[in-house]
Amino acid sequence: MRRWGELAQEPSRPVQIGQFTVAKRLAVTHAFTLRLNSGEVEAVQKKHLDECGKLGCTVLNTQLDRSIEGRLTARTSLRIDPNAFADFAAIITAAPSELIRHSESTEDKTVAMLDVEKRLEVKLALRDRLSAMLKDPGAKSAADLAVIEKELAQVQGDIESMTAERDYLRTITETVRVDIAYFGRPAVVRGFDFSPIALATGNIGQTLVVSVAALISFLAALVPWLPLIALVWWAVRRSIRRWRASRAPA
């Protein structure tokens, strides 16, 4: 039996960067491709989403597509705690789903996290200095105060942007991303795929509507030309009668 716990995100472990020892930050993604009967795709996807909620994960996006052949496909992306990943992986790969592909990717975000934390530290210190300058009772001109306030607003905006970047990096390194693709197979009776017949039967009404619409469009385009067509037809018939009359014996 596959031990999914071994594929879960590894705990952050120390790594040496220069003269500093920091916790390694890894962004882990698992992608599952499942195959099951088309009639079960929607229900199975909903079941997985319900189990996801019970395990406290965060759904990023979901998608359900019905093709013209009547086959269903679906996709789900979510983030889950590494400690709950093994349980969730066992759930999504259980019957009636058939696992046909699984892949794992890891991206090191340690340096990116250190960079944003260092830049954020510098901006926070600068904000404190600018705030102290505004509160300083020393003589300042209105122009000086305007410059300090403008710089302080810019620094605050940078801090908020960097804080959002840091929080995002924490999210992707402290959770596991799971991408699930569901592919429905058509109903097969005694080895035969009858979906084309079902598709043709279901499209009879639509085909009739499209044909009638095409006929109406043709007639609408033809009506303005009817007088000219009638005139040409009359002229041709008259020319033929005259030609026959000229060749008849006196």
C-alpha atoms as a PDB file:
ATOM      1  CA  MET A   1       0.000   0.000   0.000  1.00  0.00           C
ATOM      2  CA  ARG A   2       1.287   3.463  -0.899  1.00  0.00           C
ATOM      3  CA  ARG A   3       2.425   5.366   2.201  1.00  0.00           C
ATOM      4  CA  TRP A   4       1.395   8.912   1.432  1.00  0.00           C
ATOM      5  CA  GLY A   5       2.856  10.189   4.686  1.00  0.00           C
ATOM      6  CA  GLU A   6       6.310   9.780   3.190  1.00  0.00           C
ATOM      7  CA  LEU A   7       5.351  12.223   0.424  1.00  0.00           C
ATOM      8  CA  ALA A   8       4.109  14.939   2.752  1.00  0.00           C
ATOM      9  CA  GLN A   9       6.053  18.130   3.192  1.00  0.00           C
ATOM     10  CA  GLU A  10       9.186  17.658   5.235  1.00  0.00           C
ATOM     11  CA  PRO A  11       9.532  19.786   8.376  1.00  0.00           C
ATOM     12  CA  SER A  12      11.587  22.949   7.960  1.00  0.00           C
ATOM     13  CA  ARG A  13      15.173  22.022   8.704  1.00  0.00           C
ATOM     14  CA  PRO A  14      18.086  24.386   9.349  1.00  0.00           C
ATOM     15  CA  VAL A  15      20.240  25.384   6.402  1.00  0.00           C
ATOM     16  CA  GLN A  16      23.465  27.412   6.349  1.00  0.00           C
ATOM     17  CA  ILE A  17      23.344  30.612   4.291  1.00  0.00           C
ATOM     18  CA  GLY A  18      26.510  32.628   4.650  1.00  0.00           C
ATOM     19  CA  GLN A  19      27.188  32.968   8.370  1.00  0.00           C
ATOM     20  CA  PHE A  20      23.551  32.491   9.316  1.00  0.00           C
ATOM     21  CA  THR A  21      21.649  29.284  10.076  1.00  0.00           C
ATOM     22  CA  VAL A  22      17.973  29.555   9.101  1.00  0.00           C
ATOM     23  CA  ALA A  23      15.022  27.231   8.698  1.00  0.00           C
ATOM     24  CA  LYS A  24      14.646  25.963   5.149  1.00  0.00           C
ATOM     25  CA  ARG A  25      11.453  27.003   3.396  1.00  0.00           C
ATOM     26  CA  LEU A  26      10.050  24.596   0.778  1.00  0.00           C
ATOM     27  CA  ALA A  27       6.966  25.077  -1.404  1.00  0.00           C
ATOM     28  CA  VAL A  28       5.634  21.575  -2.123  1.00  0.00           C
ATOM     29  CA  THR A  29       3.000  20.711  -4.744  1.00  0.00           C
ATOM     30  CA  HIS A  30       1.363  17.323  -5.341  1.00  0.00           C
ATOM     31  CA  ALA A  31      -0.608  16.707  -8.549  1.00  0.00           C
ATOM     32  CA  PHE A  32      -3.026  13.783  -8.843  1.00  0.00           C
ATOM     33  CA  THR A  33      -4.759  12.599 -12.012  1.00  0.00           C
ATOM     34  CA  LEU A  34      -7.787  10.395 -11.370  1.00  0.00           C
ATOM     35  CA  ARG A  35      -9.987   8.397 -13.734  1.00  0.00           C
ATOM     36  CA  LEU A  36     -13.525   7.249 -12.974  1.00  0.00           C
ATOM     37  CA  ASN A  37     -16.940   6.892 -14.598  1.00  0.00           C
ATOM     38  CA  SER A  38     -18.317  10.164 -15.941  1.00  0.00           C
ATOM     39  CA  GLY A  39     -21.480   9.769 -13.884  1.00  0.00           C
ATOM     40  CA  GLU A  40     -19.410   9.735 -10.691  1.00  0.00           C
ATOM     41  CA  VAL A  41     -17.111  12.702 -11.361  1.00  0.00           C
ATOM     42  CA  GLU A  42     -19.295  15.443  -9.892  1.00  0.00           C
ATOM     43  CA  ALA A  43     -20.238  13.456  -6.770  1.00  0.00           C
ATOM     44  CA  VAL A  44     -16.654  12.359  -6.096  1.00  0.00           C
ATOM     45  CA  GLN A  45     -15.335  15.889  -6.490  1.00  0.00           C
ATOM     46  CA  LYS A  46     -17.952  17.153  -4.035  1.00  0.00           C
ATOM     47  CA  LYS A  47     -17.030  14.397  -1.575  1.00  0.00           C
ATOM     48  CA  HIS A  48     -13.374  15.371  -1.766  1.00  0.00           C
ATOM     49  CA  LEU A  49     -14.251  19.017  -1.150  1.00  0.00           C
ATOM     50  CA  ASP A  50     -16.307  18.028   1.898  1.00  0.00           C
ATOM     51  CA  GLU A  51     -13.406  15.988   3.270  1.00  0.00           C
ATOM     52  CA  CYS A  52     -11.109  18.897   2.524  1.00  0.00           C
ATOM     53  CA  GLY A  53     -13.285  21.127   4.707  1.00  0.00           C
ATOM     54  CA  LYS A  54     -13.201  18.614   7.563  1.00  0.00           C
ATOM     55  CA  LEU A  55      -9.399  18.555   7.439  1.00  0.00           C
ATOM     56  CA  GLY A  56      -9.216  22.350   7.541  1.00  0.00           C
ATOM     57  CA  CYS A  57      -7.745  22.922   4.105  1.00  0.00           C
ATOM     58  CA  THR A  58      -8.267  25.954   1.871  1.00  0.00           C
ATOM     59  CA  VAL A  59      -9.849  25.552  -1.583  1.00  0.00           C
ATOM     60  CA  LEU A  60      -8.125  27.691  -4.216  1.00  0.00           C
ATOM     61  CA  ASN A  61     -10.355  26.892  -7.215  1.00  0.00           C
ATOM     62  CA  THR A  62     -12.664  24.245  -8.638  1.00  0.00           C
ATOM     63  CA  GLN A  63     -13.855  23.494 -12.178  1.00  0.00           C
ATOM     64  CA  LEU A  64     -16.358  21.085 -13.745  1.00  0.00           C
ATOM     65  CA  ASP A  65     -16.627  20.642 -17.531  1.00  0.00           C
ATOM     66  CA  ARG A  66     -19.139  18.655 -19.567  1.00  0.00           C
ATOM     67  CA  SER A  67     -17.852  17.833 -23.049  1.00  0.00           C
ATOM     68  CA  ILE A  68     -20.045  17.423 -26.134  1.00  0.00           C
ATOM     69  CA  GLU A  69     -19.489  13.673 -25.930  1.00  0.00           C
ATOM     70  CA  GLY A  70     -21.125  13.621 -22.517  1.00  0.00           C
ATOM     71  CA  ARG A  71     -17.879  12.990 -20.665  1.00  0.00           C
ATOM     72  CA  LEU A  72     -17.148  14.950 -17.496  1.00  0.00           C
ATOM     73  CA  THR A  73     -13.821  16.360 -16.383  1.00  0.00           C
ATOM     74  CA  ALA A  74     -13.107  18.362 -13.265  1.00  0.00           C
ATOM     75  CA  ARG A  75     -10.236  20.092 -11.497  1.00  0.00           C
ATOM     76  CA  THR A  76      -9.620  21.130  -7.907  1.00  0.00           C
ATOM     77  CA  SER A  77      -6.721  23.024  -6.341  1.00  0.00           C
ATOM     78  CA  LEU A  78      -6.315  23.423  -2.598  1.00  0.00           C
ATOM     79  CA  ARG A  79      -3.850  23.917   0.229  1.00  0.00           C
ATOM     80  CA  ILE A  80      -3.668  21.608   3.216  1.00  0.00           C
ATOM     81  CA  ASP A  81      -1.616  21.219   6.382  1.00  0.00           C
ATOM     82  CA  PRO A  82       1.309  18.805   5.839  1.00  0.00           C
ATOM     83  CA  ASN A  83       0.160  16.714   8.803  1.00  0.00           C
ATOM     84  CA  ALA A  84      -3.237  16.157   7.135  1.00  0.00           C
ATOM     85  CA  PHE A  85      -1.893  15.487   3.657  1.00  0.00           C
ATOM     86  CA  ALA A  86      -1.484  11.721   4.064  1.00  0.00           C
ATOM     87  CA  ASP A  87      -5.107  11.281   5.185  1.00  0.00           C
ATOM     88  CA  PHE A  88      -6.406  13.431   2.337  1.00  0.00           C
ATOM     89  CA  ALA A  89      -4.264  11.637  -0.266  1.00  0.00           C
ATOM     90  CA  ALA A  90      -5.663   8.313   0.898  1.00  0.00           C
ATOM     91  CA  ILE A  91      -9.205   9.683   0.558  1.00  0.00           C
ATOM     92  CA  ILE A  92      -8.872  11.046  -2.981  1.00  0.00           C
ATOM     93  CA  THR A  93      -7.143   7.929  -4.321  1.00  0.00           C
ATOM     94  CA  ALA A  94      -9.677   5.516  -2.818  1.00  0.00           C
ATOM     95  CA  ALA A  95     -12.337   3.739  -4.922  1.00  0.00           C
ATOM     96  CA  PRO A  96     -14.112   4.496  -7.175  1.00  0.00           C
ATOM     97  CA  SER A  97     -11.226   6.717  -8.311  1.00  0.00           C
ATOM     98  CA  GLU A  98      -8.364   5.156 -10.247  1.00  0.00           C
ATOM     99  CA  LEU A  99      -5.023   6.909  -9.791  1.00  0.00           C
ATOM    100  CA  ILE A 100      -3.339   7.126 -13.184  1.00  0.00           C
ATOM    101  CA  ARG A 101      -0.686   9.731 -12.387  1.00  0.00           C
ATOM    102  CA  HIS A 102       0.950  11.395  -9.395  1.00  0.00           C
ATOM    103  CA  SER A 103       3.748  13.952  -9.387  1.00  0.00           C
ATOM    104  CA  GLU A 104       5.497  15.970  -6.710  1.00  0.00           C
ATOM    105  CA  SER A 105       7.425  19.213  -7.140  1.00  0.00           C
ATOM    106  CA  THR A 106       9.416  21.201  -4.589  1.00  0.00           C
ATOM    107  CA  GLU A 107      10.641  24.788  -4.834  1.00  0.00           C
ATOM    108  CA  ASP A 108      13.076  26.293  -2.337  1.00  0.00           C
ATOM    109  CA  LYS A 109      11.816  29.657  -1.057  1.00  0.00           C
ATOM    110  CA  THR A 110      14.401  30.101   1.699  1.00  0.00           C
ATOM    111  CA  VAL A 111      16.346  32.909   0.038  1.00  0.00           C
ATOM    112  CA  ALA A 112      13.168  34.703  -1.061  1.00  0.00           C
ATOM    113  CA  MET A 113      11.847  34.604   2.506  1.00  0.00           C
ATOM    114  CA  LEU A 114      15.118  35.925   3.963  1.00  0.00           C
ATOM    115  CA  ASP A 115      15.193  38.710   1.379  1.00  0.00           C
ATOM    116  CA  VAL A 116      11.683  39.943   2.071  1.00  0.00           C
ATOM    117  CA  GLU A 117      12.143  39.724   5.845  1.00  0.00           C
ATOM    118  CA  LYS A 118      15.373  41.728   5.641  1.00  0.00           C
ATOM    119  CA  ARG A 119      13.820  44.419   3.428  1.00  0.00           C
ATOM    120  CA  LEU A 120      10.799  44.558   5.733  1.00  0.00           C
ATOM    121  CA  GLU A 121      13.066  45.016   8.751  1.00  0.00           C
ATOM    122  CA  VAL A 122      14.810  47.969   7.070  1.00  0.00           C
ATOM    123  CA  LYS A 123      11.503  49.599   6.124  1.00  0.00           C
ATOM    124  CA  LEU A 124      10.110  49.197   9.641  1.00  0.00           C
ATOM    125  CA  ALA A 125      13.186  50.889  11.103  1.00  0.00           C
ATOM    126  CA  LEU A 126      12.858  53.725   8.571  1.00  0.00           C
ATOM    127  CA  ARG A 127       9.190  54.178   9.453  1.00  0.00           C
ATOM    128  CA  ASP A 128      10.080  54.473  13.128  1.00  0.00           C
ATOM    129  CA  ARG A 129      12.676  57.143  12.383  1.00  0.00           C
ATOM    130  CA  LEU A 130      10.300  59.143  10.202  1.00  0.00           C
ATOM    131  CA  SER A 131       7.566  58.910  12.832  1.00  0.00           C
ATOM    132  CA  ALA A 132      10.025  60.166  15.466  1.00  0.00           C
ATOM    133  CA  MET A 133      10.962  63.078  13.223  1.00  0.00           C
ATOM    134  CA  LEU A 134       7.309  64.106  12.928  1.00  0.00           C
ATOM    135  CA  LYS A 135       6.888  63.977  16.698  1.00  0.00           C
ATOM    136  CA  ASP A 136      10.131  65.902  17.328  1.00  0.00           C
ATOM    137  CA  PRO A 137       9.205  69.341  18.725  1.00  0.00           C
ATOM    138  CA  GLY A 138      12.191  70.923  16.987  1.00  0.00           C
ATOM    139  CA  ALA A 139      11.534  73.701  14.499  1.00  0.00           C
ATOM    140  CA  LYS A 140      10.494  72.407  11.091  1.00  0.00           C
ATOM    141  CA  SER A 141       9.121  74.246   8.116  1.00  0.00           C
ATOM    142  CA  ALA A 142       5.853  73.285   6.487  1.00  0.00           C
ATOM    143  CA  ALA A 143       7.838  72.069   3.472  1.00  0.00           C
ATOM    144  CA  ASP A 144       9.967  69.783   5.672  1.00  0.00           C
ATOM    145  CA  LEU A 145       6.879  68.306   7.306  1.00  0.00           C
ATOM    146  CA  ALA A 146       5.275  67.691   3.899  1.00  0.00           C
ATOM    147  CA  VAL A 147       8.385  65.856   2.673  1.00  0.00           C
ATOM    148  CA  ILE A 148       8.527  63.684   5.811  1.00  0.00           C
ATOM    149  CA  GLU A 149       4.826  62.853   5.617  1.00  0.00           C
ATOM    150  CA  LYS A 150       5.134  61.940   1.941  1.00  0.00           C
ATOM    151  CA  GLU A 151       8.141  59.720   2.630  1.00  0.00           C
ATOM    152  CA  LEU A 152       6.339  58.111   5.567  1.00  0.00           C
ATOM    153  CA  ALA A 153       3.301  57.313   3.401  1.00  0.00           C
ATOM    154  CA  GLN A 154       5.562  55.738   0.758  1.00  0.00           C
ATOM    155  CA  VAL A 155       7.365  53.655   3.378  1.00  0.00           C
ATOM    156  CA  GLN A 156       4.044  52.496   4.857  1.00  0.00           C
ATOM    157  CA  GLY A 157       2.902  51.374   1.423  1.00  0.00           C
ATOM    158  CA  ASP A 158       6.148  49.432   0.936  1.00  0.00           C
ATOM    159  CA  ILE A 159       5.706  47.802   4.346  1.00  0.00           C
ATOM    160  CA  GLU A 160       2.182  46.651   3.518  1.00  0.00           C
ATOM    161  CA  SER A 161       3.332  45.232   0.165  1.00  0.00           C
ATOM    162  CA  MET A 162       6.261  43.391   1.735  1.00  0.00           C
ATOM    163  CA  THR A 163       4.085  42.086   4.564  1.00  0.00           C
ATOM    164  CA  ALA A 164       1.674  40.607   2.012  1.00  0.00           C
ATOM    165  CA  GLU A 165       4.604  39.019   0.143  1.00  0.00           C
ATOM    166  CA  ARG A 166       5.993  37.556   3.379  1.00  0.00           C
ATOM    167  CA  ASP A 167       2.603  36.173   4.388  1.00  0.00           C
ATOM    168  CA  TYR A 168       2.187  34.575   0.962  1.00  0.00           C
ATOM    169  CA  LEU A 169       5.605  32.919   1.205  1.00  0.00           C
ATOM    170  CA  ARG A 170       4.710  31.624   4.649  1.00  0.00           C
ATOM    171  CA  THR A 171       1.450  30.214   3.324  1.00  0.00           C
ATOM    172  CA  ILE A 172       3.000  28.317   0.420  1.00  0.00           C
ATOM    173  CA  THR A 173       5.845  26.945   2.549  1.00  0.00           C
ATOM    174  CA  GLU A 174       3.775  25.983   5.582  1.00  0.00           C
ATOM    175  CA  THR A 175       1.086  24.166   3.575  1.00  0.00           C
ATOM    176  CA  VAL A 176       1.031  21.603   0.774  1.00  0.00           C
ATOM    177  CA  ARG A 177      -0.634  22.490  -2.509  1.00  0.00           C
ATOM    178  CA  VAL A 178      -2.726  19.690  -4.010  1.00  0.00           C
ATOM    179  CA  ASP A 179      -3.937  19.776  -7.634  1.00  0.00           C
ATOM    180  CA  ILE A 180      -6.497  17.123  -8.587  1.00  0.00           C
ATOM    181  CA  ALA A 181      -7.631  16.370 -12.150  1.00  0.00           C
ATOM    182  CA  TYR A 182     -10.678  14.145 -12.653  1.00  0.00           C
ATOM    183  CA  PHE A 183     -11.211  12.472 -16.020  1.00  0.00           C
ATOM    184  CA  GLY A 184     -14.519  10.698 -16.632  1.00  0.00           C
ATOM    185  CA  ARG A 185     -14.654   7.700 -18.907  1.00  0.00           C
ATOM    186  CA  PRO A 186     -17.782   7.013 -21.022  1.00  0.00           C
ATOM    187  CA  ALA A 187     -20.286   4.341 -20.128  1.00  0.00           C
ATOM    188  CA  VAL A 188     -19.347   1.081 -21.879  1.00  0.00           C
ATOM    189  CA  VAL A 189     -21.829  -1.755 -22.487  1.00  0.00           C
ATOM    190  CA  ARG A 190     -20.271  -5.126 -23.384  1.00  0.00           C
ATOM    191  CA  GLY A 191     -17.150  -3.426 -24.612  1.00  0.00           C
ATOM    192  CA  PHE A 192     -18.927  -0.853 -26.819  1.00  0.00           C
ATOM    193  CA  ASP A 193     -18.939   2.892 -26.278  1.00  0.00           C
ATOM    194  CA  PHE A 194     -22.480   4.087 -27.071  1.00  0.00           C
ATOM    195  CA  SER A 195     -21.805   7.742 -26.248  1.00  0.00           C
ATOM    196  CA  PRO A 196     -21.761   8.807 -29.956  1.00  0.00           C
ATOM    197  CA  ILE A 197     -25.287   7.377 -30.421  1.00  0.00           C
ATOM    198  CA  ALA A 198     -26.491   9.072 -27.255  1.00  0.00           C
ATOM    199  CA  LEU A 199     -24.906  12.311 -28.414  1.00  0.00           C
ATOM    200  CA  ALA A 200     -26.562  12.108 -31.846  1.00  0.00           C
ATOM    201  CA  THR A 201     -29.955  11.314 -30.299  1.00  0.00           C
ATOM    202  CA  GLY A 202     -29.673  14.167 -27.841  1.00  0.00           C
ATOM    203  CA  ASN A 203     -28.725  16.585 -30.611  1.00  0.00           C
ATOM    204  CA  ILE A 204     -31.676  15.814 -32.943  1.00  0.00           C
ATOM    205  CA  GLY A 205     -33.670  18.765 -31.687  1.00  0.00           C
ATOM    206  CA  GLN A 206     -30.725  21.120 -31.864  1.00  0.00           C
ATOM    207  CA  THR A 207     -29.875  19.949 -35.387  1.00  0.00           C
ATOM    208  CA  LEU A 208     -33.456  20.590 -36.513  1.00  0.00           C
ATOM    209  CA  VAL A 209     -33.413  24.078 -35.021  1.00  0.00           C
ATOM    210  CA  VAL A 210     -30.118  24.898 -36.712  1.00  0.00           C
ATOM    211  CA  SER A 211     -31.427  23.614 -40.079  1.00  0.00           C
ATOM    212  CA  VAL A 212     -34.619  25.701 -39.845  1.00  0.00           C
ATOM    213  CA  ALA A 213     -32.563  28.752 -38.908  1.00  0.00           C
ATOM    214  CA  ALA A 214     -30.350  28.205 -41.959  1.00  0.00           C
ATOM    215  CA  LEU A 215     -33.418  27.902 -44.214  1.00  0.00           C
ATOM    216  CA  ILE A 216     -34.892  31.125 -42.836  1.00  0.00           C
ATOM    217  CA  SER A 217     -31.601  32.941 -43.386  1.00  0.00           C
ATOM    218  CA  PHE A 218     -31.458  31.657 -46.973  1.00  0.00           C
ATOM    219  CA  LEU A 219     -35.025  32.806 -47.733  1.00  0.00           C
ATOM    220  CA  ALA A 220     -34.413  36.196 -46.121  1.00  0.00           C
ATOM    221  CA  ALA A 221     -31.375  36.686 -48.333  1.00  0.00           C
ATOM    222  CA  LEU A 222     -33.259  35.480 -51.440  1.00  0.00           C
ATOM    223  CA  VAL A 223     -36.426  37.642 -51.148  1.00  0.00           C
ATOM    224  CA  PRO A 224     -34.857  40.986 -52.267  1.00  0.00           C
ATOM    225  CA  TRP A 225     -33.604  39.274 -55.433  1.00  0.00           C
ATOM    226  CA  LEU A 226     -36.928  37.687 -56.458  1.00  0.00           C
ATOM    227  CA  PRO A 227     -38.092  40.618 -58.715  1.00  0.00           C
ATOM    228  CA  LEU A 228     -34.778  40.618 -60.572  1.00  0.00           C
ATOM    229  CA  ILE A 229     -34.834  36.831 -60.934  1.00  0.00           C
ATOM    230  CA  ALA A 230     -38.406  36.990 -62.285  1.00  0.00           C
ATOM    231  CA  LEU A 231     -37.440  39.729 -64.754  1.00  0.00           C
ATOM    232  CA  VAL A 232     -34.449  37.751 -66.041  1.00  0.00           C
ATOM    233  CA  TRP A 233     -36.579  34.609 -66.335  1.00  0.00           C
ATOM    234  CA  TRP A 234     -39.260  36.512 -68.324  1.00  0.00           C
ATOM    235  CA  ALA A 235     -36.612  38.022 -70.621  1.00  0.00           C
ATOM    236  CA  VAL A 236     -35.010  34.635 -71.254  1.00  0.00           C
ATOM    237  CA  ARG A 237     -38.348  32.966 -72.058  1.00  0.00           C
ATOM    238  CA  ARG A 238     -39.346  35.829 -74.396  1.00  0.00           C
ATOM    239  CA  SER A 239     -36.012  35.604 -76.226  1.00  0.00           C
ATOM    240  CA  ILE A 240     -36.487  31.859 -76.672  1.00  0.00           C
ATOM    241  CA  ARG A 241     -40.008  32.310 -78.086  1.00  0.00           C
ATOM    242  CA  ARG A 242     -38.808  34.952 -80.563  1.00  0.00           C
ATOM    243  CA  TRP A 243     -35.940  32.738 -81.665  1.00  0.00           C
ATOM    244  CA  ARG A 244     -38.337  29.815 -82.263  1.00  0.00           C
ATOM    245  CA  ALA A 245     -40.752  32.058 -84.131  1.00  0.00           C
ATOM    246  CA  SER A 246     -38.004  33.357 -86.437  1.00  0.00           C
ATOM    247  CA  ARG A 247     -36.972  29.817 -87.393  1.00  0.00           C
ATOM    248  CA  ALA A 248     -40.501  28.543 -88.011  1.00  0.00           C
ATOM    249  CA  PRO A 249     -41.479  28.182 -91.751  1.00  0.00           C
ATOM    250  CA  ALA A 250     -43.659  30.972 -93.193  1.00  0.00           C
END
